[in-house]
Protein backbone atom coordinates (compact mmCIF):
# COMPACT_ATOMS: atom_id res chain seq x y z
CA MET A 1 -9.19 -155.48 6.95
CA PRO A 2 -9.76 -156.26 10.35
CA PRO A 3 -10.60 -159.85 11.33
CA ALA A 4 -14.34 -160.74 10.90
CA THR A 5 -16.24 -159.83 14.17
CA PRO A 6 -18.45 -162.19 15.29
CA ARG A 7 -21.83 -162.19 15.72
CA ARG A 8 -23.52 -162.03 19.40
CA PRO A 9 -24.88 -165.26 20.85
CA ARG A 10 -28.12 -166.27 21.38
CA ARG A 11 -29.93 -165.73 24.83
CA LEU A 12 -30.97 -168.59 26.97
CA LEU A 13 -34.23 -170.45 25.20
CA SER A 14 -37.00 -169.49 26.43
CA LEU A 15 -39.55 -171.50 28.91
CA SER A 16 -41.54 -172.38 25.56
CA ALA A 17 -38.39 -173.58 23.43
CA ALA A 18 -37.44 -175.83 25.80
CA VAL A 19 -40.70 -177.12 26.60
CA MET A 20 -40.68 -178.52 23.48
CA THR A 21 -37.43 -180.43 23.19
CA VAL A 22 -38.11 -181.64 26.47
CA LEU A 23 -41.14 -182.90 24.53
CA ALA A 24 -39.75 -184.23 21.23
CA LEU A 25 -36.55 -185.92 22.91
CA THR A 26 -39.30 -188.00 25.74
CA GLY A 27 -41.66 -188.69 23.35
CA GLY A 28 -45.22 -188.50 25.20
CA ALA A 29 -44.27 -186.91 28.55
CA THR A 30 -46.70 -184.57 29.67
CA ALA A 31 -46.17 -180.65 29.48
CA ALA A 32 -46.83 -180.09 33.26
CA GLY A 33 -43.47 -182.33 33.75
CA ALA A 34 -41.47 -181.12 30.96
CA ALA A 35 -42.12 -177.74 31.82
CA GLU A 36 -41.06 -178.79 35.48
CA GLN A 37 -37.68 -180.45 33.65
CA ALA A 38 -37.49 -176.91 31.73
CA ASP A 39 -37.78 -174.72 35.22
CA SER A 40 -35.35 -176.97 36.79
CA ALA A 41 -32.52 -176.81 33.35
CA GLY A 42 -33.32 -172.74 34.31
CA GLU A 43 -32.45 -172.72 37.60
CA SER A 44 -29.11 -175.30 37.40
CA ALA A 45 -28.19 -172.65 34.52
CA ARG A 46 -28.54 -169.71 37.33
CA SER A 47 -26.91 -171.28 40.03
CA ALA A 48 -23.84 -172.49 37.65
CA ALA A 49 -20.59 -171.08 38.26
CA PRO A 50 -20.02 -167.58 37.19
CA ARG A 51 -17.89 -167.27 33.85
CA ASP A 52 -15.27 -165.36 32.72
CA VAL A 53 -15.86 -162.26 31.04
CA MET A 54 -13.77 -159.03 29.69
CA LEU A 55 -15.68 -155.41 31.26
CA VAL A 56 -14.79 -152.96 28.48
CA GLY A 57 -15.42 -149.00 30.03
CA ASN A 58 -16.94 -146.99 27.29
CA GLY A 59 -15.72 -143.86 29.16
CA GLN A 60 -17.84 -140.97 26.89
CA GLY A 61 -20.90 -143.66 26.53
CA GLY A 62 -21.65 -144.47 30.55
CA THR A 63 -21.61 -147.99 29.34
CA VAL A 64 -19.73 -151.23 30.76
CA SER A 65 -19.66 -154.00 27.93
CA PHE A 66 -19.21 -157.48 28.49
CA ILE A 67 -16.83 -159.41 26.13
CA ASP A 68 -16.58 -163.79 26.22
CA PRO A 69 -12.75 -163.87 26.22
CA GLY A 70 -13.06 -167.15 24.46
CA THR A 71 -15.44 -166.48 21.61
CA PHE A 72 -14.66 -162.56 21.44
CA GLU A 73 -18.47 -161.97 21.24
CA ASN A 74 -19.70 -158.78 22.78
CA LEU A 75 -22.45 -160.53 25.04
CA GLY A 76 -24.44 -156.83 25.80
CA SER A 77 -23.47 -153.83 28.19
CA PHE A 78 -24.86 -151.87 31.50
CA ASN A 79 -25.62 -148.41 31.43
CA THR A 80 -23.76 -147.07 35.04
CA VAL A 81 -25.22 -143.95 34.85
CA PRO A 82 -28.85 -143.72 35.15
CA ASP A 83 -28.98 -141.14 37.70
CA LEU A 84 -26.62 -138.81 35.36
CA ASP A 85 -29.46 -136.15 35.48
CA ARG A 86 -29.77 -135.98 38.62
CA ARG A 87 -26.21 -135.82 39.26
CA ILE A 88 -25.65 -133.21 37.20
CA ARG A 89 -28.81 -131.20 38.01
CA GLU A 90 -28.10 -131.61 42.25
CA MET A 91 -24.06 -130.04 41.84
CA ASP A 92 -23.68 -127.19 44.25
CA PRO A 93 -21.76 -123.99 42.65
CA ILE A 94 -18.59 -125.59 42.88
CA GLU A 95 -19.26 -128.84 42.24
CA ARG A 96 -20.88 -127.74 39.02
CA ILE A 97 -17.36 -125.13 38.59
CA GLY A 98 -14.93 -128.37 39.00
CA TYR A 99 -17.27 -130.68 37.00
CA GLU A 100 -16.85 -128.33 33.77
CA MET A 101 -13.00 -127.54 34.37
CA VAL A 102 -12.73 -131.68 34.84
CA ASN A 103 -14.65 -131.80 31.20
CA SER A 104 -12.19 -128.74 29.32
CA ILE A 105 -9.01 -130.03 31.25
CA GLN A 106 -9.67 -133.83 29.42
CA GLY A 107 -11.56 -132.58 26.55
CA TYR A 108 -14.55 -135.06 26.69
CA ARG A 109 -16.87 -136.09 29.25
CA LYS A 110 -15.44 -139.48 30.96
CA LEU A 111 -18.36 -140.96 33.12
CA VAL A 112 -16.84 -144.33 33.41
CA ASP A 113 -12.95 -144.16 34.26
CA ASP A 114 -12.70 -147.69 36.13
CA MET A 115 -14.28 -150.75 37.16
CA ALA A 116 -14.47 -153.93 39.25
CA MET A 117 -16.90 -157.19 39.00
CA SER A 118 -17.56 -158.77 42.27
CA PRO A 119 -15.90 -162.66 42.62
CA ASP A 120 -19.46 -163.98 42.75
CA GLY A 121 -20.20 -162.13 39.28
CA ARG A 122 -23.13 -160.25 40.85
CA THR A 123 -22.09 -156.99 42.02
CA LEU A 124 -20.54 -153.76 39.30
CA TYR A 125 -18.38 -151.46 41.07
CA VAL A 126 -17.21 -148.57 38.42
CA SER A 127 -15.44 -145.62 38.93
CA ARG A 128 -17.66 -142.80 37.63
CA GLY A 129 -14.76 -140.23 36.74
CA VAL A 130 -15.97 -136.35 36.67
CA LEU A 131 -19.48 -137.57 38.82
CA SER A 132 -16.64 -138.26 41.35
CA ASP A 133 -18.18 -141.44 43.02
CA ALA A 134 -17.58 -144.71 42.86
CA VAL A 135 -20.91 -146.67 42.87
CA ALA A 136 -22.23 -150.33 43.38
CA PHE A 137 -25.01 -151.74 41.08
CA ASP A 138 -26.75 -155.38 41.03
CA ILE A 139 -26.59 -156.10 37.55
CA ALA A 140 -29.41 -158.89 37.46
CA SER A 141 -32.07 -156.13 38.83
CA GLY A 142 -30.13 -153.47 37.90
CA THR A 143 -30.28 -151.47 41.18
CA MET A 144 -27.73 -148.99 42.48
CA LEU A 145 -26.48 -150.40 46.05
CA TRP A 146 -24.56 -147.54 46.89
CA ARG A 147 -22.61 -144.52 45.79
CA TYR A 148 -19.85 -143.18 47.41
CA GLU A 149 -18.54 -139.63 46.86
CA THR A 150 -15.18 -139.48 46.60
CA GLU A 151 -13.03 -135.97 47.33
CA GLY A 152 -12.36 -133.51 44.91
CA PHE A 153 -13.44 -133.53 41.33
CA LYS A 154 -12.87 -136.49 39.66
CA ALA A 155 -12.88 -140.21 40.85
CA ASP A 156 -9.95 -141.98 39.10
CA HIS A 157 -8.64 -145.58 38.32
CA ALA A 158 -9.96 -148.21 40.79
CA ALA A 159 -8.92 -151.33 41.86
CA LEU A 160 -10.65 -154.44 44.10
CA SER A 161 -9.06 -156.34 46.71
CA GLU A 162 -9.13 -159.98 45.02
CA ASP A 163 -11.27 -161.08 47.98
CA GLY A 164 -14.06 -158.54 46.89
CA SER A 165 -14.10 -156.63 49.66
CA LYS A 166 -12.37 -153.54 49.05
CA PHE A 167 -12.58 -150.88 46.02
CA ILE A 168 -9.44 -148.50 45.80
CA VAL A 169 -10.53 -145.19 43.69
CA SER A 170 -7.32 -143.11 42.90
CA ALA A 171 -9.39 -139.04 43.92
CA THR A 172 -7.23 -136.96 41.54
CA THR A 173 -7.10 -133.51 42.56
CA ALA A 174 -7.15 -134.81 46.78
CA ASP A 175 -3.73 -136.05 46.07
CA LYS A 176 -4.77 -139.44 47.76
CA ALA A 177 -6.61 -142.89 47.46
CA GLU A 178 -9.92 -143.84 49.04
CA VAL A 179 -10.16 -147.55 50.08
CA ILE A 180 -14.23 -148.36 50.13
CA ASN A 181 -15.68 -150.93 51.88
CA THR A 182 -18.03 -152.77 49.18
CA ALA A 183 -20.27 -154.35 51.58
CA THR A 184 -21.13 -150.68 53.23
CA GLY A 185 -20.21 -148.52 50.03
CA LYS A 186 -17.79 -146.18 53.39
CA LEU A 187 -14.70 -144.93 53.29
CA HIS A 188 -12.48 -148.10 55.36
CA ALA A 189 -9.21 -146.37 54.79
CA GLU A 190 -7.86 -143.38 53.09
CA PHE A 191 -4.12 -143.11 52.63
CA ALA A 192 -1.76 -140.32 50.64
CA THR A 193 -0.41 -140.18 47.38
CA GLY A 194 1.80 -138.14 44.95
CA THR A 195 0.20 -135.40 42.86
CA TYR A 196 -2.20 -136.24 40.61
CA PRO A 197 -3.12 -140.06 41.48
CA HIS A 198 -3.98 -142.28 38.30
CA ALA A 199 -3.26 -146.59 38.99
CA ASN A 200 -3.86 -148.19 41.46
CA ASP A 201 -2.27 -151.82 40.87
CA TYR A 202 -1.97 -154.98 42.94
CA SER A 203 0.90 -156.89 43.46
CA PRO A 204 0.35 -160.74 41.89
CA ASP A 205 0.08 -161.94 45.08
CA GLY A 206 -1.89 -158.88 46.83
CA SER A 207 0.27 -157.91 49.35
CA ILE A 208 1.30 -155.08 48.02
CA LEU A 209 -0.88 -152.56 46.50
CA TYR A 210 1.18 -149.49 44.17
CA ASN A 211 -0.26 -146.36 43.68
CA SER A 212 0.97 -143.61 40.74
CA SER A 213 0.80 -140.41 40.44
CA ILE A 214 1.12 -138.61 36.82
CA GLY A 215 1.53 -134.91 38.41
CA ILE A 216 -0.52 -131.83 36.89
CA THR A 217 -1.44 -132.64 33.32
CA SER A 218 -2.80 -129.27 32.25
CA MET A 219 1.01 -127.78 32.59
CA PRO A 220 3.23 -128.06 29.76
CA LYS A 221 6.13 -129.98 29.43
CA GLY A 222 8.04 -127.25 29.46
CA LEU A 223 6.91 -126.83 33.43
CA ASN A 224 7.49 -130.37 34.19
CA GLY A 225 9.38 -129.16 37.92
CA LEU A 226 5.97 -127.39 38.65
CA LYS A 227 3.73 -130.93 38.18
CA GLY A 228 4.15 -131.84 41.22
CA LYS A 229 5.15 -135.45 43.19
CA ARG A 230 5.29 -138.35 40.53
CA GLN A 231 5.09 -140.85 42.61
CA VAL A 232 4.73 -145.32 42.89
CA VAL A 233 3.82 -144.91 46.37
CA ALA A 234 3.75 -148.73 47.76
CA VAL A 235 1.18 -149.14 50.56
CA ASP A 236 0.04 -152.60 52.73
CA ALA A 237 -2.76 -154.47 50.97
CA GLY A 238 -3.83 -155.36 54.43
CA THR A 239 -3.75 -152.17 56.90
CA PHE A 240 -2.73 -149.53 53.48
CA GLU A 241 0.31 -147.97 55.35
CA PRO A 242 2.93 -146.95 53.88
CA LEU A 243 5.65 -149.19 52.89
CA ARG A 244 7.94 -147.14 50.33
CA THR A 245 7.66 -144.33 47.77
CA TYR A 246 9.88 -144.09 44.33
CA ASP A 247 9.90 -140.80 42.57
CA PHE A 248 10.19 -140.35 39.67
CA GLU A 249 10.87 -137.05 37.01
CA TYR A 250 7.70 -137.68 34.30
CA GLY A 251 4.55 -139.04 35.76
CA ILE A 252 3.71 -143.29 36.00
CA ARG A 253 0.86 -144.34 33.67
CA PRO A 254 0.32 -148.22 32.88
CA ALA A 255 2.26 -150.03 34.99
CA VAL A 256 2.84 -154.09 35.33
CA PHE A 257 4.17 -156.04 37.81
CA THR A 258 6.36 -158.94 38.09
CA ALA A 259 5.38 -162.27 40.31
CA ASP A 260 8.56 -162.14 42.38
CA ASN A 261 7.67 -158.44 43.25
CA LYS A 262 11.09 -156.73 42.45
CA THR A 263 10.53 -155.66 39.12
CA MET A 264 8.04 -153.07 37.50
CA TYR A 265 7.48 -152.55 33.23
CA ALA A 266 5.98 -149.05 33.53
CA GLN A 267 4.90 -146.56 30.55
CA LEU A 268 5.95 -142.63 31.47
CA SER A 269 4.33 -139.55 30.37
CA TYR A 270 6.09 -138.68 27.07
CA LEU A 271 8.29 -141.37 26.55
CA ASN A 272 7.88 -142.72 23.17
CA GLY A 273 8.48 -146.53 25.10
CA PHE A 274 8.76 -147.92 28.50
CA VAL A 275 11.12 -148.57 31.52
CA GLU A 276 11.95 -151.35 33.43
CA TYR A 277 12.39 -150.67 36.78
CA ASP A 278 14.42 -152.31 40.40
CA LEU A 279 12.01 -152.32 42.76
CA ASP A 280 14.78 -153.45 45.18
CA ARG A 281 17.28 -150.72 43.64
CA GLY A 282 14.33 -148.09 43.39
CA GLU A 283 16.34 -147.94 39.68
CA ILE A 284 15.43 -147.60 36.10
CA LYS A 285 16.99 -150.75 34.74
CA ARG A 286 16.55 -150.23 31.38
CA THR A 287 14.86 -147.26 29.14
CA VAL A 288 13.06 -149.12 25.62
CA GLU A 289 12.01 -146.20 22.98
CA MET A 290 9.39 -147.81 20.35
CA PRO A 291 9.20 -145.75 17.09
CA PHE A 292 7.34 -143.17 16.52
CA SER A 293 4.33 -142.89 13.42
CA ASP A 294 4.89 -140.94 10.76
CA LYS A 295 1.89 -138.35 12.07
CA ALA A 296 3.69 -138.83 15.62
CA ALA A 297 7.04 -137.72 15.01
CA LYS A 298 5.67 -134.41 14.01
CA MET A 299 3.00 -134.02 17.25
CA ARG A 300 4.51 -131.68 19.90
CA ALA A 301 4.72 -133.19 23.22
CA ASP A 302 2.29 -130.83 24.41
CA ASP A 303 -0.61 -132.30 22.36
CA TYR A 304 -0.48 -135.80 23.48
CA PRO A 305 -3.43 -137.36 25.30
CA GLN A 306 -2.81 -135.75 29.00
CA ASN A 307 0.93 -136.13 28.53
CA SER A 308 1.19 -140.03 27.47
CA ALA A 309 3.01 -140.82 24.25
CA HIS A 310 1.95 -145.02 24.88
CA HIS A 311 -0.85 -145.64 27.41
CA GLY A 312 -1.38 -149.26 27.92
CA MET A 313 0.72 -152.04 29.91
CA ALA A 314 -0.06 -155.55 29.92
CA MET A 315 1.71 -158.71 30.77
CA ASN A 316 0.89 -162.30 30.09
CA ALA A 317 0.13 -165.34 32.62
CA ALA A 318 4.14 -166.99 32.06
CA GLU A 319 5.21 -163.25 32.62
CA SER A 320 6.81 -163.84 29.02
CA LYS A 321 5.20 -161.20 27.09
CA LEU A 322 4.60 -157.73 27.19
CA CYS A 323 1.71 -155.90 25.35
CA MET A 324 2.02 -152.46 24.71
CA ALA A 325 0.04 -149.50 23.53
CA GLY A 326 1.01 -147.51 21.02
CA THR A 327 -1.31 -144.71 21.46
CA ILE A 328 0.24 -141.68 19.69
CA ASP A 329 1.44 -144.33 17.00
CA ASP A 330 -2.04 -146.08 16.68
CA TYR A 331 -0.38 -149.79 17.01
CA VAL A 332 0.19 -152.42 19.75
CA ALA A 333 3.24 -153.86 20.01
CA ILE A 334 4.08 -157.15 21.59
CA VAL A 335 7.64 -157.35 23.19
CA SER A 336 9.02 -160.51 24.65
CA ARG A 337 10.95 -161.18 28.06
CA PRO A 338 13.57 -160.79 29.51
CA GLY A 339 15.33 -159.62 26.09
CA LEU A 340 12.50 -157.04 25.96
CA GLU A 341 12.66 -157.84 21.33
CA THR A 342 9.67 -156.76 20.06
CA ASP A 343 8.07 -159.60 18.59
CA GLY A 344 5.63 -157.83 16.45
CA TYR A 345 3.32 -154.80 15.65
CA VAL A 346 -0.55 -154.62 14.97
CA HIS A 347 -1.28 -151.21 13.19
CA TYR A 348 -4.56 -149.27 13.29
CA ASP A 349 -6.15 -146.76 11.59
CA THR A 350 -5.22 -143.43 12.09
CA ASP A 351 -6.65 -141.75 15.12
CA ALA A 352 -7.54 -144.94 16.19
CA LEU A 353 -6.17 -144.60 19.95
CA PRO A 354 -5.20 -147.55 21.50
CA TYR A 355 -5.53 -146.51 24.95
CA TRP A 356 -5.39 -149.16 27.33
CA THR A 357 -4.59 -153.26 27.27
CA ALA A 358 -5.58 -155.64 29.58
CA THR A 359 -4.77 -159.34 29.52
CA SER A 360 -7.61 -162.32 29.31
CA PRO A 361 -8.37 -164.82 32.04
CA ASP A 362 -6.60 -167.42 31.02
CA GLY A 363 -3.82 -164.89 30.24
CA LYS A 364 -2.77 -166.13 25.96
CA HIS A 365 -4.75 -162.72 24.64
CA CYS A 366 -4.12 -159.17 24.59
CA PHE A 367 -7.36 -156.87 24.50
CA VAL A 368 -6.72 -153.41 23.21
CA SER A 369 -8.97 -150.56 23.21
CA LEU A 370 -9.46 -148.28 20.62
CA SER A 371 -11.04 -145.47 21.79
CA ASN A 372 -11.39 -143.35 18.44
CA LYS A 373 -12.56 -146.41 16.59
CA ASN A 374 -15.38 -147.37 19.28
CA GLU A 375 -13.84 -151.44 19.52
CA VAL A 376 -11.85 -153.48 21.27
CA SER A 377 -8.97 -155.11 19.07
CA VAL A 378 -7.71 -158.77 20.36
CA VAL A 379 -3.78 -159.63 19.64
CA ASP A 380 -2.70 -163.11 20.26
CA TYR A 381 0.39 -163.32 22.68
CA ALA A 382 2.08 -166.25 21.05
CA THR A 383 2.11 -164.67 16.98
CA ALA A 384 1.70 -161.00 17.98
CA LYS A 385 -1.32 -160.48 15.62
CA GLU A 386 -4.86 -159.59 15.41
CA VAL A 387 -7.55 -162.68 15.96
CA ALA A 388 -10.89 -160.19 16.50
CA ARG A 389 -12.12 -156.87 16.48
CA ILE A 390 -14.94 -156.32 18.28
CA PRO A 391 -17.92 -153.08 18.49
CA THR A 392 -18.16 -151.65 21.82
CA GLY A 393 -19.97 -148.40 23.09
CA HIS A 394 -18.56 -144.95 22.70
CA PHE A 395 -15.20 -144.66 23.55
CA PRO A 396 -14.15 -147.67 25.40
CA GLN A 397 -10.84 -147.22 27.73
CA ARG A 398 -10.31 -149.34 30.93
CA GLU A 399 -10.51 -153.06 30.42
CA ARG A 400 -10.63 -155.78 33.43
CA PRO A 401 -11.05 -159.03 33.28
CA GLY A 402 -13.74 -160.55 35.71
CA LYS A 403 -17.06 -162.89 36.62
CA LEU A 404 -20.82 -163.12 35.53
CA THR A 405 -23.29 -165.10 36.17
CA ALA A 406 -26.27 -166.55 34.13
CA GLU A 407 -28.85 -164.02 35.82
CA ALA A 408 -26.33 -161.85 35.42
CA LEU A 409 -26.14 -161.98 31.72
CA GLU A 410 -29.82 -162.15 31.31
CA ALA A 411 -30.54 -158.43 32.48
CA LEU A 412 -27.65 -157.34 30.13
CA ASP A 413 -29.01 -154.51 27.60
CA PRO A 414 -27.96 -156.29 23.93
CA SER A 415 -26.19 -153.17 22.96
CA ASP A 416 -22.68 -153.54 22.45
CA GLY A 417 -22.81 -150.85 24.91
């Protein structure tokens, strides 16, 4: 049995409750004075530094859930597709055909592919998958600040620059990554990628942006040579000019990069495991194969979800542990560096679909999205044990650490997602 689900925290006390509390403490202050103190306390809370949160993108539900990374409580959710009916209604015939094709190939409608919070904890940026756009919301007011239409038929993985000024989105069918100015919602730059660009990852020092491509996933493994260019394209994070291109035989799935910019750990299409890659020499140093579950051992490679056997890679703050989702195997594994020995597994129900992993802001826990369970599992890096299970919205996948203001927190929908 998973650990008990934490209860949702109580919202801020109402003004009347705050007034009563002040009256009780002062033993005779006037209601007006108490109200002034309550107003001051409320203003102080709103101006406090934003809190750490984990964002969970509920792909099919079109919402983002916000999780307290310390208490593992679901703080509430935000609807990222308030304009869904309008968007579909306004599609021209070609856009509608592309929309239906992407849904068919994916096997479902993905409305939230990726997201990020601005450093000040006020603005939510979302790559909206099959709607082929990126949007920005002021969470406190619920206002959509801007909408940018990405090229092609699918907006994929995204990344936000450390200063929050650029939001990079992979335009999957256009074989490029688009760099959006977050202040204006306009295109700032773009750069060429491999075929079907997927992840965008900043190096730990923020100097390099890596874009990974997965090739045409609708083609069978037997036609691997026709899937296109499977590459990791490294660009300068300031100018977005190309620095180096790394070629692979198979699609590059989730990856993490060490702080010295020398090593990448990556999952590859069809591989039930991961590779250790030398970025200086441009070659695979080690390939680690992980165990198959009984069910996964009987699967055809062409039945893997979007070609990925394992899809979810994270690393703790000390860079001593890796957290990897065994997607078709229904487990997550904690692996120690540098020896790459497995510390332990957390096994889930069959078809739970662990589909992404991310490290908590304090670097101590791994958040694992269980897409078919509408839950997130929290695993302790130190013990390789599950410590919490959190309800989310429909089909959680991408998870990102972020910040959230008290004002934005108050505005969240109280539902899990």
